Amino acid sequence: MDVTIDSVDFRTKPLFQLTQEMLDCVRDYNFERLAMICDDDYGIVDINTAGRSEIIRDRAGWENWFTSLFEKLKAMQAKTWSEITNYEVVASTDMAYSVVDFDQYFIAGNERLRFGVLATIVWKKTTEGWREARYHSSLKTVEPMQ
């Protein structure tokens, strides 16, 4: 049986850099830049601090979610970062969607965890450039960091 393997480095695919920047904004608690990347016309489904789905349907809810999340993480003196492990994208001239597998790392005090996440992102092209229009993430795994 012949198997075709996509030999393209996923880091060179459309919208990868913007996706990485979006994750880095969370790492850096950079609300202003994150708000510029994300329009969230269709809301988001994120993972809350209890590991459950957090459904947010409007911009006010989005702003509250991220400002309160960043405040909590800062108060905990938490260090977080994400590493994309797989990335697929289909893009046209004005819309795109991507599927992103990433590991999110969390360190606060003695707690050191790795969260395996699978996210789907819908992108739209605006006069200002590409913007996230919908984000949906699911938690795959939670395990202690080695």
N, C-alpha and C. Protein backbone atom coordinates (compact mmCIF):
# COMPACT_ATOMS: atom_id res chain seq x y z
N MET A 1 0.84 -1.17 0.00
CA MET A 1 0.00 0.00 0.00
C MET A 1 0.89 1.24 0.00
N ASP A 2 0.59 2.19 -0.89
CA ASP A 2 1.32 3.44 -0.95
C ASP A 2 0.72 4.43 0.04
N VAL A 3 1.57 5.12 0.75
CA VAL A 3 1.13 6.13 1.70
C VAL A 3 1.78 7.44 1.31
N THR A 4 0.96 8.46 1.16
CA THR A 4 1.48 9.78 0.86
C THR A 4 1.66 10.54 2.16
N ILE A 5 2.84 11.03 2.38
CA ILE A 5 3.14 11.77 3.60
C ILE A 5 3.35 13.23 3.22
N ASP A 6 2.64 14.10 3.91
CA ASP A 6 2.80 15.53 3.69
C ASP A 6 4.16 15.93 4.24
N SER A 7 5.09 16.19 3.36
CA SER A 7 6.46 16.49 3.78
C SER A 7 6.67 17.97 4.08
N VAL A 8 5.63 18.77 3.91
CA VAL A 8 5.75 20.19 4.18
C VAL A 8 5.84 20.42 5.69
N ASP A 9 6.85 21.15 6.11
CA ASP A 9 7.00 21.49 7.51
C ASP A 9 5.79 22.33 7.92
N PHE A 10 5.07 21.90 8.94
CA PHE A 10 3.82 22.60 9.29
C PHE A 10 4.08 24.04 9.72
N ARG A 11 5.29 24.36 10.11
CA ARG A 11 5.60 25.74 10.51
C ARG A 11 5.61 26.71 9.33
N THR A 12 5.59 26.17 8.09
CA THR A 12 5.58 27.03 6.91
C THR A 12 4.18 27.17 6.31
N LYS A 13 3.21 26.51 6.89
CA LYS A 13 1.84 26.55 6.35
C LYS A 13 1.17 27.89 6.68
N PRO A 14 0.16 28.25 5.87
CA PRO A 14 -0.54 29.52 6.10
C PRO A 14 -1.10 29.63 7.52
N LEU A 15 -0.96 30.80 8.09
CA LEU A 15 -1.50 31.18 9.40
C LEU A 15 -0.81 30.51 10.58
N PHE A 16 0.22 29.71 10.32
CA PHE A 16 0.94 29.09 11.45
C PHE A 16 1.56 30.15 12.35
N GLN A 17 2.26 31.12 11.77
CA GLN A 17 2.93 32.14 12.58
C GLN A 17 1.94 32.93 13.42
N LEU A 18 0.79 33.24 12.84
CA LEU A 18 -0.23 33.98 13.59
C LEU A 18 -0.82 33.11 14.70
N THR A 19 -0.97 31.82 14.44
CA THR A 19 -1.44 30.89 15.47
C THR A 19 -0.43 30.83 16.62
N GLN A 20 0.85 30.73 16.28
CA GLN A 20 1.89 30.70 17.31
C GLN A 20 1.89 32.01 18.10
N GLU A 21 1.73 33.12 17.40
CA GLU A 21 1.69 34.41 18.08
C GLU A 21 0.50 34.49 19.05
N MET A 22 -0.64 33.95 18.63
CA MET A 22 -1.82 33.94 19.50
C MET A 22 -1.52 33.16 20.79
N LEU A 23 -0.90 31.99 20.66
CA LEU A 23 -0.54 31.20 21.84
C LEU A 23 0.50 31.93 22.69
N ASP A 24 1.44 32.61 22.03
CA ASP A 24 2.46 33.37 22.77
C ASP A 24 1.84 34.54 23.53
N CYS A 25 0.77 35.12 22.99
CA CYS A 25 0.07 36.20 23.71
C CYS A 25 -0.49 35.69 25.03
N VAL A 26 -0.97 34.46 25.04
CA VAL A 26 -1.46 33.88 26.29
C VAL A 26 -0.27 33.66 27.23
N ARG A 27 0.80 33.15 26.72
CA ARG A 27 2.02 32.94 27.54
C ARG A 27 2.48 34.24 28.18
N ASP A 28 2.44 35.32 27.40
CA ASP A 28 2.97 36.62 27.83
C ASP A 28 1.92 37.51 28.51
N TYR A 29 0.68 36.99 28.66
CA TYR A 29 -0.43 37.79 29.20
C TYR A 29 -0.61 39.08 28.40
N ASN A 30 -0.45 39.00 27.10
CA ASN A 30 -0.51 40.17 26.22
C ASN A 30 -1.94 40.33 25.69
N PHE A 31 -2.79 40.89 26.53
CA PHE A 31 -4.20 41.04 26.19
C PHE A 31 -4.39 41.94 24.97
N GLU A 32 -3.64 43.03 24.88
CA GLU A 32 -3.83 43.99 23.80
C GLU A 32 -3.58 43.35 22.43
N ARG A 33 -2.49 42.64 22.28
CA ARG A 33 -2.19 42.00 20.99
C ARG A 33 -3.17 40.86 20.72
N LEU A 34 -3.48 40.07 21.74
CA LEU A 34 -4.44 38.99 21.57
C LEU A 34 -5.79 39.53 21.09
N ALA A 35 -6.21 40.66 21.65
CA ALA A 35 -7.48 41.27 21.26
C ALA A 35 -7.45 41.74 19.81
N MET A 36 -6.28 42.10 19.30
CA MET A 36 -6.16 42.51 17.90
C MET A 36 -6.23 41.31 16.95
N ILE A 37 -5.75 40.15 17.40
CA ILE A 37 -5.75 38.95 16.58
C ILE A 37 -7.14 38.31 16.54
N CYS A 38 -7.88 38.42 17.64
CA CYS A 38 -9.13 37.67 17.80
C CYS A 38 -10.35 38.57 17.68
N ASP A 39 -11.18 38.30 16.68
CA ASP A 39 -12.49 38.96 16.59
C ASP A 39 -13.54 38.11 17.28
N ASP A 40 -13.42 36.81 17.17
CA ASP A 40 -14.34 35.87 17.81
C ASP A 40 -15.80 36.18 17.51
N ASP A 41 -16.09 36.40 16.22
CA ASP A 41 -17.47 36.64 15.79
C ASP A 41 -18.41 35.54 16.26
N TYR A 42 -17.91 34.33 16.31
CA TYR A 42 -18.75 33.18 16.64
C TYR A 42 -18.43 32.63 18.01
N GLY A 43 -17.72 33.39 18.83
CA GLY A 43 -17.41 32.98 20.19
C GLY A 43 -16.24 32.01 20.26
N ILE A 44 -15.98 31.55 21.46
CA ILE A 44 -14.91 30.57 21.68
C ILE A 44 -15.40 29.51 22.66
N VAL A 45 -14.77 28.38 22.59
CA VAL A 45 -14.90 27.35 23.60
C VAL A 45 -13.47 27.08 24.05
N ASP A 46 -13.17 27.47 25.27
CA ASP A 46 -11.82 27.32 25.79
C ASP A 46 -11.85 26.33 26.95
N ILE A 47 -10.71 26.04 27.51
CA ILE A 47 -10.60 25.13 28.64
C ILE A 47 -10.38 25.97 29.89
N ASN A 48 -11.26 25.81 30.87
CA ASN A 48 -11.11 26.62 32.08
C ASN A 48 -10.14 25.97 33.05
N THR A 49 -9.91 26.62 34.18
CA THR A 49 -8.90 26.15 35.13
C THR A 49 -9.28 24.84 35.81
N ALA A 50 -10.55 24.42 35.67
CA ALA A 50 -10.98 23.12 36.22
C ALA A 50 -10.89 22.02 35.16
N GLY A 51 -10.41 22.38 33.94
CA GLY A 51 -10.29 21.40 32.88
C GLY A 51 -11.57 21.16 32.11
N ARG A 52 -12.56 22.00 32.32
CA ARG A 52 -13.85 21.87 31.64
C ARG A 52 -13.98 22.92 30.54
N SER A 53 -14.98 22.74 29.70
CA SER A 53 -15.22 23.70 28.62
C SER A 53 -15.78 25.01 29.18
N GLU A 54 -15.23 26.09 28.68
CA GLU A 54 -15.72 27.44 29.00
C GLU A 54 -16.28 28.00 27.71
N ILE A 55 -17.61 28.17 27.67
CA ILE A 55 -18.28 28.64 26.46
C ILE A 55 -18.49 30.14 26.57
N ILE A 56 -17.96 30.87 25.60
CA ILE A 56 -18.04 32.32 25.58
C ILE A 56 -18.65 32.73 24.25
N ARG A 57 -19.72 33.50 24.29
CA ARG A 57 -20.48 33.78 23.07
C ARG A 57 -20.35 35.20 22.54
N ASP A 58 -19.77 36.12 23.32
CA ASP A 58 -19.70 37.50 22.83
C ASP A 58 -18.38 38.16 23.24
N ARG A 59 -18.14 39.34 22.71
CA ARG A 59 -16.87 40.02 22.94
C ARG A 59 -16.69 40.41 24.41
N ALA A 60 -17.75 40.86 25.05
CA ALA A 60 -17.65 41.22 26.47
C ALA A 60 -17.24 40.00 27.30
N GLY A 61 -17.83 38.85 27.00
CA GLY A 61 -17.46 37.62 27.69
C GLY A 61 -16.02 37.22 27.41
N TRP A 62 -15.59 37.42 26.15
CA TRP A 62 -14.22 37.11 25.76
C TRP A 62 -13.24 37.98 26.55
N GLU A 63 -13.52 39.29 26.59
CA GLU A 63 -12.63 40.20 27.31
C GLU A 63 -12.57 39.85 28.79
N ASN A 64 -13.72 39.56 29.40
CA ASN A 64 -13.75 39.18 30.81
C ASN A 64 -12.97 37.89 31.05
N TRP A 65 -13.14 36.90 30.16
CA TRP A 65 -12.46 35.62 30.30
C TRP A 65 -10.94 35.81 30.34
N PHE A 66 -10.42 36.54 29.37
CA PHE A 66 -8.96 36.67 29.30
C PHE A 66 -8.40 37.61 30.35
N THR A 67 -9.06 38.69 30.67
CA THR A 67 -8.53 39.56 31.72
C THR A 67 -8.53 38.84 33.07
N SER A 68 -9.60 38.11 33.37
CA SER A 68 -9.63 37.39 34.66
C SER A 68 -8.66 36.22 34.67
N LEU A 69 -8.53 35.52 33.54
CA LEU A 69 -7.57 34.41 33.47
C LEU A 69 -6.15 34.93 33.68
N PHE A 70 -5.80 36.01 33.00
CA PHE A 70 -4.44 36.57 33.14
C PHE A 70 -4.20 37.04 34.57
N GLU A 71 -5.21 37.64 35.20
CA GLU A 71 -5.07 38.07 36.60
C GLU A 71 -4.81 36.87 37.51
N LYS A 72 -5.56 35.79 37.31
CA LYS A 72 -5.38 34.58 38.13
C LYS A 72 -3.98 34.00 37.94
N LEU A 73 -3.55 33.89 36.69
CA LEU A 73 -2.23 33.32 36.42
C LEU A 73 -1.11 34.19 37.01
N LYS A 74 -1.24 35.49 36.89
CA LYS A 74 -0.25 36.39 37.48
C LYS A 74 -0.22 36.26 39.00
N ALA A 75 -1.39 36.20 39.61
CA ALA A 75 -1.46 36.06 41.07
C ALA A 75 -0.80 34.77 41.54
N MET A 76 -0.89 33.72 40.72
CA MET A 76 -0.28 32.44 41.05
C MET A 76 1.21 32.42 40.71
N GLN A 77 1.67 33.48 40.05
CA GLN A 77 3.03 33.53 39.51
C GLN A 77 3.28 32.33 38.60
N ALA A 78 2.25 32.04 37.82
CA ALA A 78 2.31 30.87 36.92
C ALA A 78 3.13 31.20 35.68
N LYS A 79 3.80 30.20 35.23
CA LYS A 79 4.55 30.27 33.97
C LYS A 79 3.86 29.29 33.02
N THR A 80 3.46 29.77 31.86
CA THR A 80 2.82 28.90 30.89
C THR A 80 3.45 29.13 29.52
N TRP A 81 3.41 28.12 28.70
CA TRP A 81 3.81 28.25 27.30
C TRP A 81 3.23 27.08 26.54
N SER A 82 3.19 27.25 25.22
CA SER A 82 2.59 26.22 24.36
C SER A 82 3.56 25.85 23.25
N GLU A 83 3.56 24.57 22.91
CA GLU A 83 4.36 24.07 21.79
C GLU A 83 3.43 23.34 20.83
N ILE A 84 3.35 23.84 19.61
CA ILE A 84 2.51 23.21 18.60
C ILE A 84 3.18 21.92 18.14
N THR A 85 2.43 20.82 18.16
CA THR A 85 2.97 19.52 17.77
C THR A 85 2.46 19.05 16.41
N ASN A 86 1.33 19.62 15.97
CA ASN A 86 0.81 19.32 14.63
C ASN A 86 -0.10 20.47 14.22
N TYR A 87 -0.10 20.75 12.92
CA TYR A 87 -0.87 21.89 12.42
C TYR A 87 -1.32 21.59 11.01
N GLU A 88 -2.62 21.69 10.79
CA GLU A 88 -3.20 21.52 9.46
C GLU A 88 -4.05 22.74 9.17
N VAL A 89 -4.10 23.14 7.91
CA VAL A 89 -4.88 24.32 7.56
C VAL A 89 -5.42 24.19 6.15
N VAL A 90 -6.62 24.70 5.94
CA VAL A 90 -7.20 24.86 4.62
C VAL A 90 -7.56 26.33 4.52
N ALA A 91 -7.05 27.01 3.49
CA ALA A 91 -7.26 28.45 3.38
C ALA A 91 -7.71 28.83 1.98
N SER A 92 -8.65 29.77 1.92
CA SER A 92 -9.03 30.40 0.66
C SER A 92 -8.58 31.86 0.74
N THR A 93 -9.10 32.69 -0.12
CA THR A 93 -8.66 34.08 -0.11
C THR A 93 -9.18 34.87 1.09
N ASP A 94 -10.35 34.48 1.64
CA ASP A 94 -10.90 35.27 2.73
C ASP A 94 -11.34 34.48 3.96
N MET A 95 -11.28 33.15 3.90
CA MET A 95 -11.62 32.31 5.06
C MET A 95 -10.62 31.16 5.14
N ALA A 96 -10.43 30.67 6.35
CA ALA A 96 -9.54 29.52 6.54
C ALA A 96 -9.96 28.81 7.82
N TYR A 97 -9.58 27.55 7.90
CA TYR A 97 -9.72 26.88 9.19
C TYR A 97 -8.47 26.05 9.42
N SER A 98 -8.10 25.95 10.68
CA SER A 98 -6.91 25.18 11.03
C SER A 98 -7.24 24.26 12.20
N VAL A 99 -6.53 23.17 12.24
CA VAL A 99 -6.61 22.22 13.35
C VAL A 99 -5.22 22.17 13.96
N VAL A 100 -5.16 22.47 15.25
CA VAL A 100 -3.88 22.65 15.93
C VAL A 100 -3.80 21.70 17.13
N ASP A 101 -2.79 20.85 17.13
CA ASP A 101 -2.47 20.06 18.31
C ASP A 101 -1.34 20.80 19.01
N PHE A 102 -1.50 21.02 20.31
CA PHE A 102 -0.39 21.64 21.03
C PHE A 102 -0.34 21.16 22.46
N ASP A 103 0.84 21.23 23.02
CA ASP A 103 1.04 20.94 24.43
C ASP A 103 1.16 22.28 25.14
N GLN A 104 0.36 22.46 26.18
CA GLN A 104 0.46 23.66 26.98
C GLN A 104 1.07 23.28 28.32
N TYR A 105 2.11 23.99 28.68
CA TYR A 105 2.84 23.70 29.91
C TYR A 105 2.47 24.72 30.97
N PHE A 106 2.40 24.26 32.21
CA PHE A 106 1.98 25.10 33.32
C PHE A 106 2.86 24.79 34.52
N ILE A 107 3.47 25.85 35.06
CA ILE A 107 4.27 25.71 36.28
C ILE A 107 3.82 26.80 37.25
N ALA A 108 3.42 26.39 38.44
CA ALA A 108 3.07 27.31 39.52
C ALA A 108 3.40 26.62 40.83
N GLY A 109 4.30 27.19 41.57
CA GLY A 109 4.73 26.55 42.82
C GLY A 109 5.29 25.17 42.53
N ASN A 110 4.76 24.16 43.22
CA ASN A 110 5.22 22.79 43.02
C ASN A 110 4.47 22.06 41.91
N GLU A 111 3.48 22.73 41.33
CA GLU A 111 2.67 22.09 40.29
C GLU A 111 3.32 22.29 38.92
N ARG A 112 3.56 21.18 38.24
CA ARG A 112 4.18 21.21 36.90
C ARG A 112 3.39 20.25 36.01
N LEU A 113 2.57 20.81 35.12
CA LEU A 113 1.67 19.99 34.31
C LEU A 113 1.84 20.26 32.83
N ARG A 114 1.51 19.24 32.05
CA ARG A 114 1.45 19.36 30.59
C ARG A 114 0.04 18.98 30.17
N PHE A 115 -0.59 19.89 29.43
CA PHE A 115 -1.93 19.66 28.91
C PHE A 115 -1.85 19.43 27.41
N GLY A 116 -2.35 18.31 26.94
CA GLY A 116 -2.46 18.07 25.51
C GLY A 116 -3.77 18.66 25.03
N VAL A 117 -3.71 19.54 24.03
CA VAL A 117 -4.89 20.27 23.57
C VAL A 117 -5.05 20.08 22.07
N LEU A 118 -6.30 19.99 21.63
CA LEU A 118 -6.64 19.98 20.22
C LEU A 118 -7.59 21.15 19.98
N ALA A 119 -7.23 22.04 19.08
CA ALA A 119 -8.04 23.24 18.83
C ALA A 119 -8.37 23.36 17.35
N THR A 120 -9.56 23.86 17.10
CA THR A 120 -9.99 24.20 15.74
C THR A 120 -10.17 25.72 15.72
N ILE A 121 -9.59 26.35 14.71
CA ILE A 121 -9.68 27.80 14.60
C ILE A 121 -10.26 28.14 13.23
N VAL A 122 -11.26 29.00 13.22
CA VAL A 122 -11.80 29.56 11.97
C VAL A 122 -11.22 30.96 11.85
N TRP A 123 -10.63 31.24 10.69
CA TRP A 123 -10.01 32.53 10.42
C TRP A 123 -10.79 33.27 9.34
N LYS A 124 -10.76 34.59 9.40
CA LYS A 124 -11.36 35.40 8.34
C LYS A 124 -10.37 36.50 7.96
N LYS A 125 -10.41 36.87 6.70
CA LYS A 125 -9.55 37.94 6.20
C LYS A 125 -10.31 39.25 6.32
N THR A 126 -9.72 40.25 6.94
CA THR A 126 -10.32 41.57 7.09
C THR A 126 -9.41 42.60 6.44
N THR A 127 -9.83 43.83 6.45
CA THR A 127 -8.97 44.89 5.90
C THR A 127 -7.70 45.06 6.73
N GLU A 128 -7.72 44.62 7.99
CA GLU A 128 -6.54 44.70 8.85
C GLU A 128 -5.68 43.44 8.78
N GLY A 129 -6.12 42.43 8.04
CA GLY A 129 -5.39 41.17 7.95
C GLY A 129 -6.22 40.01 8.48
N TRP A 130 -5.59 38.88 8.70
CA TRP A 130 -6.29 37.69 9.19
C TRP A 130 -6.64 37.86 10.66
N ARG A 131 -7.87 37.45 11.01
CA ARG A 131 -8.35 37.50 12.38
C ARG A 131 -9.04 36.18 12.72
N GLU A 132 -8.87 35.77 13.97
CA GLU A 132 -9.57 34.58 14.44
C GLU A 132 -11.04 34.93 14.60
N ALA A 133 -11.91 34.11 14.00
CA ALA A 133 -13.35 34.34 14.09
C ALA A 133 -14.02 33.33 15.03
N ARG A 134 -13.40 32.19 15.25
CA ARG A 134 -13.96 31.15 16.12
C ARG A 134 -12.82 30.26 16.60
N TYR A 135 -12.83 29.94 17.88
CA TYR A 135 -11.82 29.08 18.48
C TYR A 135 -12.54 28.05 19.33
N HIS A 136 -12.16 26.79 19.18
CA HIS A 136 -12.74 25.71 19.97
C HIS A 136 -11.62 24.75 20.37
N SER A 137 -11.40 24.61 21.66
CA SER A 137 -10.35 23.70 22.10
C SER A 137 -10.92 22.58 22.95
N SER A 138 -10.24 21.46 22.90
CA SER A 138 -10.60 20.29 23.70
C SER A 138 -9.35 19.78 24.40
N LEU A 139 -9.53 19.37 25.61
CA LEU A 139 -8.44 18.82 26.40
C LEU A 139 -8.29 17.34 26.07
N LYS A 140 -7.09 16.95 25.63
CA LYS A 140 -6.83 15.54 25.31
C LYS A 140 -6.24 14.82 26.52
N THR A 141 -5.25 15.42 27.14
CA THR A 141 -4.55 14.78 28.25
C THR A 141 -4.09 15.82 29.27
N VAL A 142 -3.90 15.35 30.50
CA VAL A 142 -3.25 16.15 31.55
C VAL A 142 -2.29 15.20 32.23
N GLU A 143 -1.04 15.60 32.28
CA GLU A 143 -0.06 14.75 32.96
C GLU A 143 1.03 15.59 33.59
N PRO A 144 1.68 15.06 34.62
CA PRO A 144 2.79 15.80 35.23
C PRO A 144 3.93 15.98 34.22
N MET A 145 4.59 17.12 34.30
CA MET A 145 5.76 17.35 33.46
C MET A 145 6.93 16.55 34.02
N GLN A 146 7.74 16.07 33.14
CA GLN A 146 8.94 15.33 33.56
C GLN A 146 10.09 16.29 33.75
